[in-house]
Amino acid sequence: LASAEGVPTRPARLVFMLLMALAVSIGMKIVAILLILPLLVIPPAAARPFARTPEQMAGLAVLSGALAVLGGIGASLFWDTPAGPSIVVAATALFLLSLASAALRSSLARDTG
């Protein structure tokens, strides 16, 4: 997309890689190593069925990640479980809900259309 717009892709790719490395290195200190991968992968996957543009997907992924963290910490406090795995379980639950919602919407669209 950047190439089609005439933006030099090599510098943009380098900037994105440096930003990702910075986010991961800061995240490792804040969240812990075992939470980095699930929080980088699951929220965007949960946001994908609802997004029409990459920008919407990014915004929904941030919202999904924040909900997973809040839900996981709440579950951790309520059920006295470790916070890290509780956050991952909450993110996975949001992902499964998004899949179910997308399947339901698709089924309803086929039935009515």
Protein backbone atom coordinates (compact mmCIF):
# COMPACT_ATOMS: atom_id res chain seq x y z
CA LEU A 1 0.00 0.00 0.00
CA ALA A 2 2.82 2.37 0.87
CA SER A 3 4.58 1.54 -2.39
CA ALA A 4 1.40 2.27 -4.34
CA GLU A 5 1.16 5.64 -2.59
CA GLY A 6 4.75 6.48 -3.52
CA VAL A 7 6.08 6.27 0.03
CA PRO A 8 9.60 4.82 0.28
CA THR A 9 8.98 1.40 1.84
CA ARG A 10 12.47 0.62 3.13
CA PRO A 11 12.59 3.51 5.66
CA ALA A 12 8.96 2.88 6.66
CA ARG A 13 9.69 -0.82 7.23
CA LEU A 14 12.75 0.08 9.33
CA VAL A 15 10.74 2.52 11.44
CA PHE A 16 7.99 -0.07 12.01
CA MET A 17 10.54 -2.73 13.02
CA LEU A 18 12.22 -0.34 15.44
CA LEU A 19 8.85 0.65 16.93
CA MET A 20 7.89 -3.02 17.32
CA ALA A 21 11.22 -3.80 18.98
CA LEU A 22 10.74 -0.86 21.33
CA ALA A 23 7.18 -1.94 22.19
CA VAL A 24 8.30 -5.52 22.87
CA SER A 25 11.28 -4.49 24.98
CA ILE A 26 9.20 -2.10 27.08
CA GLY A 27 6.39 -4.63 27.27
CA MET A 28 8.72 -7.35 28.54
CA LYS A 29 9.54 -5.21 31.53
CA ILE A 30 5.95 -4.18 32.21
CA VAL A 31 3.80 -7.20 31.39
CA ALA A 32 6.23 -10.17 31.34
CA ILE A 33 7.64 -12.23 28.54
CA LEU A 34 4.84 -14.81 28.48
CA LEU A 35 2.17 -12.16 27.90
CA ILE A 36 3.84 -10.34 25.02
CA LEU A 37 3.01 -12.82 22.26
CA PRO A 38 -0.63 -13.43 23.24
CA LEU A 39 -1.26 -9.70 23.64
CA LEU A 40 0.32 -9.00 20.23
CA VAL A 41 -1.61 -11.72 18.40
CA ILE A 42 -4.97 -12.39 20.06
CA PRO A 43 -6.49 -8.86 20.25
CA PRO A 44 -5.94 -8.13 16.53
CA ALA A 45 -7.34 -11.56 15.68
CA ALA A 46 -10.40 -10.79 17.82
CA ALA A 47 -10.80 -7.38 16.15
CA ARG A 48 -10.50 -8.66 12.58
CA PRO A 49 -14.12 -9.80 12.06
CA PHE A 50 -15.42 -6.35 13.03
CA ALA A 51 -12.95 -4.12 11.16
CA ARG A 52 -13.34 -2.79 7.65
CA THR A 53 -10.03 -0.92 7.53
CA PRO A 54 -6.60 -1.48 9.09
CA GLU A 55 -7.12 1.62 11.22
CA GLN A 56 -10.37 0.24 12.63
CA MET A 57 -8.66 -3.07 13.29
CA ALA A 58 -5.86 -1.34 15.21
CA GLY A 59 -8.31 0.63 17.31
CA LEU A 60 -10.46 -2.41 18.02
CA ALA A 61 -7.34 -4.44 18.84
CA VAL A 62 -6.32 -1.85 21.43
CA LEU A 63 -9.81 -1.94 22.92
CA SER A 64 -9.81 -5.75 22.90
CA GLY A 65 -6.40 -5.87 24.58
CA ALA A 66 -7.47 -3.40 27.25
CA LEU A 67 -10.64 -5.39 27.92
CA ALA A 68 -8.61 -8.60 28.15
CA VAL A 69 -6.23 -7.05 30.68
CA LEU A 70 -9.05 -5.62 32.78
CA GLY A 71 -11.05 -8.85 32.59
CA GLY A 72 -8.00 -10.97 33.38
CA ILE A 73 -7.00 -8.87 36.37
CA GLY A 74 -10.61 -8.85 37.59
CA ALA A 75 -10.80 -12.63 37.25
CA SER A 76 -7.47 -12.92 39.01
CA LEU A 77 -8.75 -10.93 41.95
CA PHE A 78 -12.11 -12.68 42.06
CA TRP A 79 -10.91 -16.28 41.70
CA ASP A 80 -7.41 -15.81 43.18
CA THR A 81 -5.63 -17.01 40.04
CA PRO A 82 -2.33 -15.80 38.56
CA ALA A 83 -2.80 -12.55 36.66
CA GLY A 84 -0.81 -13.49 33.53
CA PRO A 85 -2.68 -16.64 32.58
CA SER A 86 -5.99 -14.99 33.52
CA ILE A 87 -5.29 -12.19 31.04
CA VAL A 88 -4.48 -14.70 28.29
CA VAL A 89 -7.66 -16.66 29.04
CA ALA A 90 -9.70 -13.44 28.93
CA ALA A 91 -8.13 -12.49 25.58
CA THR A 92 -8.85 -15.98 24.23
CA ALA A 93 -12.45 -15.72 25.44
CA LEU A 94 -12.84 -12.39 23.59
CA PHE A 95 -11.39 -14.01 20.47
CA LEU A 96 -13.81 -16.93 20.69
CA LEU A 97 -16.72 -14.52 21.21
CA SER A 98 -15.66 -12.55 18.14
CA LEU A 99 -15.53 -15.77 16.08
CA ALA A 100 -18.97 -16.80 17.30
CA SER A 101 -20.37 -13.35 16.60
CA ALA A 102 -18.90 -13.31 13.08
CA ALA A 103 -20.32 -16.78 12.38
CA LEU A 104 -23.74 -15.73 13.67
CA ARG A 105 -23.74 -12.55 11.56
CA SER A 106 -22.70 -14.53 8.50
CA SER A 107 -25.44 -17.09 9.11
CA LEU A 108 -28.07 -14.39 9.56
CA ALA A 109 -26.91 -12.58 6.43
CA ARG A 110 -27.23 -15.78 4.38
CA ASP A 111 -30.71 -16.49 5.76
CA THR A 112 -32.08 -12.99 5.11
CA GLY A 113 -30.22 -12.21 1.90
